[in-house]
Amino acid sequence: MKILLVAATFAEITPFVEQYELISGEEVRIGIFQLKILVSGAGMVATAYALGKEIALQQPDLIINVGIAGAISDALNIGDLVHITSEHQYGFGAENQGDFLSASALGLIQSSDEELHARPLPVAFTALVSAVSQMKSGKGITVQTVHGNSDSIEQMKNNVAGALTESMEGAAVFYAAHQAGIPVVEVRCISNKVEPRDRSAWDIPTAISRLNDFLIHVFASNSSEASKTF
């Protein structure tokens, strides 16, 4: 199975890369998996370009997108792992006086492309299927501007009910995978709450550590850690 592991920044996957002595852009075999790392760069534009280029060169059997994220849902805490099963392109459309017109309402995209859903997980990757089944799961939103103002946060929560997390890349990964017909799994670890911006309340090291524990576990699928809970 050929797997493409996508992260926006190298820092988000450094412990996993060091564990397996990986080099970005090179394929390595880990057990039954042929793995390639793609550090896409932050944001939807960089991610879409990097993924489009990579998929054109060599179509993987599975894309795994990982990274840290902000928690929209009050049910999530810093350090929680979240399985994102759909991604919403937040704010893609036009203002109409006091209203917002979505891109699908404007006829720019199909309504099915406004919220993108993941394809079923490949059952052959049993450790991954088991690990994500233990996580909270649901919708993420992808943004160009991370929310940090109480008014815009309230508006966002009203506009996209039930969203769990926000990131800056998820929808681009889902879209590229959907267009190419490739299953995608997105796992995010919470580094901060989506609230008026206060970096002192963030815990990026814990989020990165927890995320990489997950990655190391799923690729060590035949190890004694197979029963570990995440």
C-alpha atoms as a PDB file:
ATOM      1  CA  MET A   1       0.000   0.000   0.000  1.00  0.00           C
ATOM      2  CA  LYS A   2       1.412   3.381  -1.055  1.00  0.00           C
ATOM      3  CA  ILE A   3       0.722   6.071   1.539  1.00  0.00           C
ATOM      4  CA  LEU A   4       1.293   9.797   1.247  1.00  0.00           C
ATOM      5  CA  LEU A   5       1.602  11.503   4.629  1.00  0.00           C
ATOM      6  CA  VAL A   6       0.857  15.216   4.320  1.00  0.00           C
ATOM      7  CA  ALA A   7       1.654  17.883   6.908  1.00  0.00           C
ATOM      8  CA  ALA A   8       1.763  21.638   6.509  1.00  0.00           C
ATOM      9  CA  THR A   9       5.029  22.025   8.426  1.00  0.00           C
ATOM     10  CA  PHE A  10       7.944  19.763   9.240  1.00  0.00           C
ATOM     11  CA  ALA A  11       7.668  20.667  12.938  1.00  0.00           C
ATOM     12  CA  GLU A  12       4.292  18.917  13.192  1.00  0.00           C
ATOM     13  CA  ILE A  13       5.766  15.523  12.277  1.00  0.00           C
ATOM     14  CA  THR A  14       9.384  15.811  13.439  1.00  0.00           C
ATOM     15  CA  PRO A  15       9.229  13.090  16.158  1.00  0.00           C
ATOM     16  CA  PHE A  16       7.708  10.596  13.691  1.00  0.00           C
ATOM     17  CA  VAL A  17      10.269  11.472  11.006  1.00  0.00           C
ATOM     18  CA  GLU A  18      13.129  11.036  13.483  1.00  0.00           C
ATOM     19  CA  GLN A  19      11.700   7.742  14.780  1.00  0.00           C
ATOM     20  CA  TYR A  20      11.845   6.193  11.312  1.00  0.00           C
ATOM     21  CA  GLU A  21      14.752   8.274   9.936  1.00  0.00           C
ATOM     22  CA  LEU A  22      12.595   9.580   7.113  1.00  0.00           C
ATOM     23  CA  ILE A  23      13.474  12.201   4.498  1.00  0.00           C
ATOM     24  CA  SER A  24      10.783  14.379   2.963  1.00  0.00           C
ATOM     25  CA  GLY A  25      10.185  13.471  -0.672  1.00  0.00           C
ATOM     26  CA  GLU A  26      11.762  10.009  -0.451  1.00  0.00           C
ATOM     27  CA  GLU A  27       9.816   6.751  -0.328  1.00  0.00           C
ATOM     28  CA  VAL A  28      10.568   4.300   2.461  1.00  0.00           C
ATOM     29  CA  ARG A  29       9.130   0.940   3.402  1.00  0.00           C
ATOM     30  CA  ILE A  30       7.672   0.543   6.877  1.00  0.00           C
ATOM     31  CA  GLY A  31       6.338  -2.980   7.267  1.00  0.00           C
ATOM     32  CA  ILE A  32       3.829  -3.554   4.463  1.00  0.00           C
ATOM     33  CA  PHE A  33       3.556   0.159   3.672  1.00  0.00           C
ATOM     34  CA  GLN A  34       5.403   2.260   1.109  1.00  0.00           C
ATOM     35  CA  LEU A  35       5.439   5.690   2.754  1.00  0.00           C
ATOM     36  CA  LYS A  36       6.265   9.110   1.371  1.00  0.00           C
ATOM     37  CA  ILE A  37       6.307  12.360   3.348  1.00  0.00           C
ATOM     38  CA  LEU A  38       4.971  15.596   1.829  1.00  0.00           C
ATOM     39  CA  VAL A  39       5.491  18.874   3.696  1.00  0.00           C
ATOM     40  CA  SER A  40       3.055  21.019   1.750  1.00  0.00           C
ATOM     41  CA  GLY A  41       3.485  24.433   3.317  1.00  0.00           C
ATOM     42  CA  ALA A  42       0.803  26.305   5.243  1.00  0.00           C
ATOM     43  CA  GLY A  43      -2.552  27.263   3.761  1.00  0.00           C
ATOM     44  CA  MET A  44      -4.885  25.976   1.077  1.00  0.00           C
ATOM     45  CA  VAL A  45      -3.005  27.392  -1.915  1.00  0.00           C
ATOM     46  CA  ALA A  46       0.364  25.822  -1.060  1.00  0.00           C
ATOM     47  CA  THR A  47      -1.294  22.560  -0.060  1.00  0.00           C
ATOM     48  CA  ALA A  48      -3.376  22.278  -3.230  1.00  0.00           C
ATOM     49  CA  TYR A  49      -0.342  22.897  -5.434  1.00  0.00           C
ATOM     50  CA  ALA A  50       1.914  20.477  -3.580  1.00  0.00           C
ATOM     51  CA  LEU A  51      -0.683  17.720  -3.548  1.00  0.00           C
ATOM     52  CA  GLY A  52      -1.669  18.181  -7.179  1.00  0.00           C
ATOM     53  CA  LYS A  53       1.954  17.917  -8.219  1.00  0.00           C
ATOM     54  CA  GLU A  54       2.587  14.841  -6.061  1.00  0.00           C
ATOM     55  CA  ILE A  55      -0.550  12.986  -7.137  1.00  0.00           C
ATOM     56  CA  ALA A  56       0.293  13.596 -10.795  1.00  0.00           C
ATOM     57  CA  LEU A  57       3.726  12.061 -10.287  1.00  0.00           C
ATOM     58  CA  GLN A  58       2.623   8.987  -8.371  1.00  0.00           C
ATOM     59  CA  GLN A  59      -0.921   8.207  -7.300  1.00  0.00           C
ATOM     60  CA  PRO A  60      -0.948   6.913  -3.716  1.00  0.00           C
ATOM     61  CA  ASP A  61      -3.446   4.394  -2.373  1.00  0.00           C
ATOM     62  CA  LEU A  62      -4.134   6.537   0.696  1.00  0.00           C
ATOM     63  CA  ILE A  63      -3.493  10.109   1.812  1.00  0.00           C
ATOM     64  CA  ILE A  64      -3.072  10.814   5.522  1.00  0.00           C
ATOM     65  CA  ASN A  65      -3.257  14.473   6.501  1.00  0.00           C
ATOM     66  CA  VAL A  66      -2.075  15.343  10.008  1.00  0.00           C
ATOM     67  CA  GLY A  67      -1.413  18.490  11.980  1.00  0.00           C
ATOM     68  CA  ILE A  68      -2.399  20.629  14.900  1.00  0.00           C
ATOM     69  CA  ALA A  69      -5.693  22.520  14.974  1.00  0.00           C
ATOM     70  CA  GLY A  70      -7.856  24.866  16.977  1.00  0.00           C
ATOM     71  CA  ALA A  71     -10.878  23.479  18.806  1.00  0.00           C
ATOM     72  CA  ILE A  72     -14.215  25.057  17.938  1.00  0.00           C
ATOM     73  CA  SER A  73     -16.220  22.576  19.994  1.00  0.00           C
ATOM     74  CA  ASP A  74     -16.289  23.059  23.764  1.00  0.00           C
ATOM     75  CA  ALA A  75     -16.194  19.253  24.066  1.00  0.00           C
ATOM     76  CA  LEU A  76     -12.569  19.209  22.905  1.00  0.00           C
ATOM     77  CA  ASN A  77      -9.539  19.828  25.082  1.00  0.00           C
ATOM     78  CA  ILE A  78      -5.915  20.603  24.282  1.00  0.00           C
ATOM     79  CA  GLY A  79      -4.165  17.348  23.409  1.00  0.00           C
ATOM     80  CA  ASP A  80      -7.298  15.623  22.087  1.00  0.00           C
ATOM     81  CA  LEU A  81      -6.961  13.739  18.808  1.00  0.00           C
ATOM     82  CA  VAL A  82      -9.781  14.300  16.332  1.00  0.00           C
ATOM     83  CA  HIS A  83     -10.682  12.315  13.217  1.00  0.00           C
ATOM     84  CA  ILE A  84     -11.998  14.807  10.667  1.00  0.00           C
ATOM     85  CA  THR A  85     -14.509  13.122   8.390  1.00  0.00           C
ATOM     86  CA  SER A  86     -15.597  16.179   6.394  1.00  0.00           C
ATOM     87  CA  GLU A  87     -14.172  19.598   5.619  1.00  0.00           C
ATOM     88  CA  HIS A  88     -16.009  22.852   4.973  1.00  0.00           C
ATOM     89  CA  GLN A  89     -14.429  25.688   2.965  1.00  0.00           C
ATOM     90  CA  TYR A  90     -15.386  28.456   5.360  1.00  0.00           C
ATOM     91  CA  GLY A  91     -16.031  31.928   3.982  1.00  0.00           C
ATOM     92  CA  PHE A  92     -15.824  30.931   0.314  1.00  0.00           C
ATOM     93  CA  GLY A  93     -18.378  33.129  -1.411  1.00  0.00           C
ATOM     94  CA  ALA A  94     -19.477  36.767  -1.441  1.00  0.00           C
ATOM     95  CA  GLU A  95     -20.859  39.345   0.937  1.00  0.00           C
ATOM     96  CA  ASN A  96     -24.287  40.706   0.016  1.00  0.00           C
ATOM     97  CA  GLN A  97     -24.867  43.684   2.276  1.00  0.00           C
ATOM     98  CA  GLY A  98     -25.534  42.010   5.643  1.00  0.00           C
ATOM     99  CA  ASP A  99     -25.839  38.505   4.182  1.00  0.00           C
ATOM    100  CA  PHE A 100     -23.341  35.921   2.967  1.00  0.00           C
ATOM    101  CA  LEU A 101     -23.741  34.076  -0.318  1.00  0.00           C
ATOM    102  CA  SER A 102     -21.900  30.764  -0.470  1.00  0.00           C
ATOM    103  CA  ALA A 103     -19.885  29.757  -3.505  1.00  0.00           C
ATOM    104  CA  SER A 104     -22.478  27.127  -4.374  1.00  0.00           C
ATOM    105  CA  ALA A 105     -25.300  29.683  -4.119  1.00  0.00           C
ATOM    106  CA  LEU A 106     -23.342  31.846  -6.559  1.00  0.00           C
ATOM    107  CA  GLY A 107     -23.003  28.911  -8.942  1.00  0.00           C
ATOM    108  CA  LEU A 108     -19.211  28.827  -8.644  1.00  0.00           C
ATOM    109  CA  ILE A 109     -19.027  25.272  -7.312  1.00  0.00           C
ATOM    110  CA  GLN A 110     -21.331  22.307  -6.852  1.00  0.00           C
ATOM    111  CA  SER A 111     -23.075  22.182  -3.473  1.00  0.00           C
ATOM    112  CA  SER A 112     -21.407  18.784  -2.913  1.00  0.00           C
ATOM    113  CA  ASP A 113     -17.991  20.502  -3.048  1.00  0.00           C
ATOM    114  CA  GLU A 114     -18.825  23.004  -0.307  1.00  0.00           C
ATOM    115  CA  GLU A 115     -18.510  20.377   2.382  1.00  0.00           C
ATOM    116  CA  LEU A 116     -16.185  17.579   1.317  1.00  0.00           C
ATOM    117  CA  HIS A 117     -16.534  14.109   2.821  1.00  0.00           C
ATOM    118  CA  ALA A 118     -13.851  11.459   3.206  1.00  0.00           C
ATOM    119  CA  ARG A 119     -14.123   8.154   1.395  1.00  0.00           C
ATOM    120  CA  PRO A 120     -14.317   4.959   3.519  1.00  0.00           C
ATOM    121  CA  LEU A 121     -11.058   3.985   5.219  1.00  0.00           C
ATOM    122  CA  PRO A 122      -9.036   1.156   3.643  1.00  0.00           C
ATOM    123  CA  VAL A 123      -9.730  -1.810   5.901  1.00  0.00           C
ATOM    124  CA  ALA A 124      -6.283  -3.253   5.119  1.00  0.00           C
ATOM    125  CA  PHE A 125      -4.724  -0.626   7.407  1.00  0.00           C
ATOM    126  CA  THR A 126      -6.225  -2.170  10.538  1.00  0.00           C
ATOM    127  CA  ALA A 127      -4.154  -0.184  13.053  1.00  0.00           C
ATOM    128  CA  LEU A 128      -5.276   3.099  11.485  1.00  0.00           C
ATOM    129  CA  VAL A 129      -8.918   2.028  11.392  1.00  0.00           C
ATOM    130  CA  SER A 130      -8.734   0.974  15.029  1.00  0.00           C
ATOM    131  CA  ALA A 131      -6.969   4.151  16.178  1.00  0.00           C
ATOM    132  CA  VAL A 132      -9.329   6.625  14.519  1.00  0.00           C
ATOM    133  CA  SER A 133     -12.389   4.681  15.724  1.00  0.00           C
ATOM    134  CA  GLN A 134     -11.391   5.652  19.275  1.00  0.00           C
ATOM    135  CA  MET A 135     -11.247   9.383  18.511  1.00  0.00           C
ATOM    136  CA  LYS A 136     -13.903  12.045  18.481  1.00  0.00           C
ATOM    137  CA  SER A 137     -14.923  12.490  14.853  1.00  0.00           C
ATOM    138  CA  GLY A 138     -16.766  15.051  12.796  1.00  0.00           C
ATOM    139  CA  LYS A 139     -16.537  18.158  10.662  1.00  0.00           C
ATOM    140  CA  GLY A 140     -13.648  20.569  10.352  1.00  0.00           C
ATOM    141  CA  ILE A 141     -13.552  23.975   8.717  1.00  0.00           C
ATOM    142  CA  THR A 142     -10.679  25.322   6.647  1.00  0.00           C
ATOM    143  CA  VAL A 143      -9.903  29.017   6.863  1.00  0.00           C
ATOM    144  CA  GLN A 144      -7.598  31.610   5.372  1.00  0.00           C
ATOM    145  CA  THR A 145      -7.611  33.639   8.592  1.00  0.00           C
ATOM    146  CA  VAL A 146      -7.509  31.865  11.943  1.00  0.00           C
ATOM    147  CA  HIS A 147     -10.287  33.146  14.187  1.00  0.00           C
ATOM    148  CA  GLY A 148      -9.204  35.239  17.163  1.00  0.00           C
ATOM    149  CA  ASN A 149     -12.004  37.761  17.635  1.00  0.00           C
ATOM    150  CA  SER A 150     -15.141  37.118  19.688  1.00  0.00           C
ATOM    151  CA  ASP A 151     -17.514  38.610  17.095  1.00  0.00           C
ATOM    152  CA  SER A 152     -16.128  36.633  14.151  1.00  0.00           C
ATOM    153  CA  ILE A 153     -16.017  33.451  16.254  1.00  0.00           C
ATOM    154  CA  GLU A 154     -19.693  33.810  17.168  1.00  0.00           C
ATOM    155  CA  GLN A 155     -20.597  34.434  13.536  1.00  0.00           C
ATOM    156  CA  MET A 156     -18.583  31.399  12.408  1.00  0.00           C
ATOM    157  CA  LYS A 157     -20.265  29.126  14.970  1.00  0.00           C
ATOM    158  CA  ASN A 158     -23.680  30.302  13.780  1.00  0.00           C
ATOM    159  CA  ASN A 159     -22.766  29.785  10.122  1.00  0.00           C
ATOM    160  CA  VAL A 160     -21.215  26.320  10.462  1.00  0.00           C
ATOM    161  CA  ALA A 161     -23.072  24.442  13.154  1.00  0.00           C
ATOM    162  CA  GLY A 162     -21.390  21.392  14.629  1.00  0.00           C
ATOM    163  CA  ALA A 163     -17.849  22.048  13.405  1.00  0.00           C
ATOM    164  CA  LEU A 164     -15.187  20.594  15.683  1.00  0.00           C
ATOM    165  CA  THR A 165     -11.934  22.142  14.489  1.00  0.00           C
ATOM    166  CA  GLU A 166     -10.404  24.764  12.245  1.00  0.00           C
ATOM    167  CA  SER A 167      -7.268  24.386  10.168  1.00  0.00           C
ATOM    168  CA  MET A 168      -5.752  26.105   7.158  1.00  0.00           C
ATOM    169  CA  GLU A 169      -5.222  23.044   4.904  1.00  0.00           C
ATOM    170  CA  GLY A 170      -7.844  20.339   5.445  1.00  0.00           C
ATOM    171  CA  ALA A 171     -10.282  21.248   2.673  1.00  0.00           C
ATOM    172  CA  ALA A 172      -7.461  21.445   0.115  1.00  0.00           C
ATOM    173  CA  VAL A 173      -6.370  17.906   0.996  1.00  0.00           C
ATOM    174  CA  PHE A 174      -9.939  16.595   0.859  1.00  0.00           C
ATOM    175  CA  TYR A 175     -10.562  18.278  -2.486  1.00  0.00           C
ATOM    176  CA  ALA A 176      -7.383  16.956  -4.092  1.00  0.00           C
ATOM    177  CA  ALA A 177      -8.048  13.454  -2.781  1.00  0.00           C
ATOM    178  CA  HIS A 178     -11.688  13.578  -3.913  1.00  0.00           C
ATOM    179  CA  GLN A 179     -10.758  14.741  -7.424  1.00  0.00           C
ATOM    180  CA  ALA A 180      -8.153  11.985  -7.719  1.00  0.00           C
ATOM    181  CA  GLY A 181     -10.408   9.292  -6.258  1.00  0.00           C
ATOM    182  CA  ILE A 182      -8.047   8.581  -3.357  1.00  0.00           C
ATOM    183  CA  PRO A 183      -9.190   7.787   0.207  1.00  0.00           C
ATOM    184  CA  VAL A 184      -8.089  10.396   2.736  1.00  0.00           C
ATOM    185  CA  VAL A 185      -7.760  10.315   6.515  1.00  0.00           C
ATOM    186  CA  GLU A 186      -7.342  13.561   8.442  1.00  0.00           C
ATOM    187  CA  VAL A 187      -6.242  13.513  12.064  1.00  0.00           C
ATOM    188  CA  ARG A 188      -5.752  16.709  14.019  1.00  0.00           C
ATOM    189  CA  CYS A 189      -4.498  17.267  17.544  1.00  0.00           C
ATOM    190  CA  ILE A 190      -5.846  20.226  19.467  1.00  0.00           C
ATOM    191  CA  SER A 191      -3.240  22.853  20.317  1.00  0.00           C
ATOM    192  CA  ASN A 192      -5.596  25.666  21.313  1.00  0.00           C
ATOM    193  CA  LYS A 193      -9.188  26.718  21.701  1.00  0.00           C
ATOM    194  CA  VAL A 194     -10.790  28.912  19.041  1.00  0.00           C
ATOM    195  CA  GLU A 195     -11.302  31.974  21.228  1.00  0.00           C
ATOM    196  CA  PRO A 196     -10.034  35.572  21.426  1.00  0.00           C
ATOM    197  CA  ARG A 197      -6.358  35.155  20.595  1.00  0.00           C
ATOM    198  CA  ASP A 198      -4.166  34.318  23.601  1.00  0.00           C
ATOM    199  CA  ARG A 199      -0.992  32.453  22.709  1.00  0.00           C
ATOM    200  CA  SER A 200      -0.205  31.881  26.388  1.00  0.00           C
ATOM    201  CA  ALA A 201      -3.140  29.444  26.504  1.00  0.00           C
ATOM    202  CA  TRP A 202      -1.843  27.376  23.580  1.00  0.00           C
ATOM    203  CA  ASP A 203       0.121  24.146  24.035  1.00  0.00           C
ATOM    204  CA  ILE A 204       1.712  23.264  20.702  1.00  0.00           C
ATOM    205  CA  PRO A 205       4.392  20.902  22.147  1.00  0.00           C
ATOM    206  CA  THR A 206       1.748  18.682  23.771  1.00  0.00           C
ATOM    207  CA  ALA A 207      -0.327  18.613  20.583  1.00  0.00           C
ATOM    208  CA  ILE A 208       2.694  17.669  18.459  1.00  0.00           C
ATOM    209  CA  SER A 209       3.788  14.990  20.922  1.00  0.00           C
ATOM    210  CA  ARG A 210       0.324  13.410  21.019  1.00  0.00           C
ATOM    211  CA  LEU A 211      -0.037  13.547  17.244  1.00  0.00           C
ATOM    212  CA  ASN A 212       3.298  11.835  16.700  1.00  0.00           C
ATOM    213  CA  ASP A 213       2.534   9.152  19.296  1.00  0.00           C
ATOM    214  CA  PHE A 214      -0.485   8.346  17.132  1.00  0.00           C
ATOM    215  CA  LEU A 215       1.584   8.195  13.935  1.00  0.00           C
ATOM    216  CA  ILE A 216       4.267   6.003  15.465  1.00  0.00           C
ATOM    217  CA  HIS A 217       1.596   3.660  16.800  1.00  0.00           C
ATOM    218  CA  VAL A 218      -0.272   3.136  13.544  1.00  0.00           C
ATOM    219  CA  PHE A 219       2.881   2.422  11.558  1.00  0.00           C
ATOM    220  CA  ALA A 220       4.120   0.022  14.200  1.00  0.00           C
ATOM    221  CA  SER A 221       0.963  -1.994  13.573  1.00  0.00           C
ATOM    222  CA  ASN A 222       2.571  -5.366  14.330  1.00  0.00           C
ATOM    223  CA  SER A 223       4.165  -4.211  17.585  1.00  0.00           C
ATOM    224  CA  SER A 224       3.078  -4.816  21.154  1.00  0.00           C
ATOM    225  CA  GLU A 225       1.501  -1.349  21.165  1.00  0.00           C
ATOM    226  CA  ALA A 226      -1.331  -2.497  18.904  1.00  0.00           C
ATOM    227  CA  SER A 227      -3.784  -2.388  21.787  1.00  0.00           C
ATOM    228  CA  LYS A 228      -2.805   1.094  23.019  1.00  0.00           C
ATOM    229  CA  THR A 229      -5.699   3.529  23.357  1.00  0.00           C
ATOM    230  CA  PHE A 230      -5.507   7.009  21.840  1.00  0.00           C
END
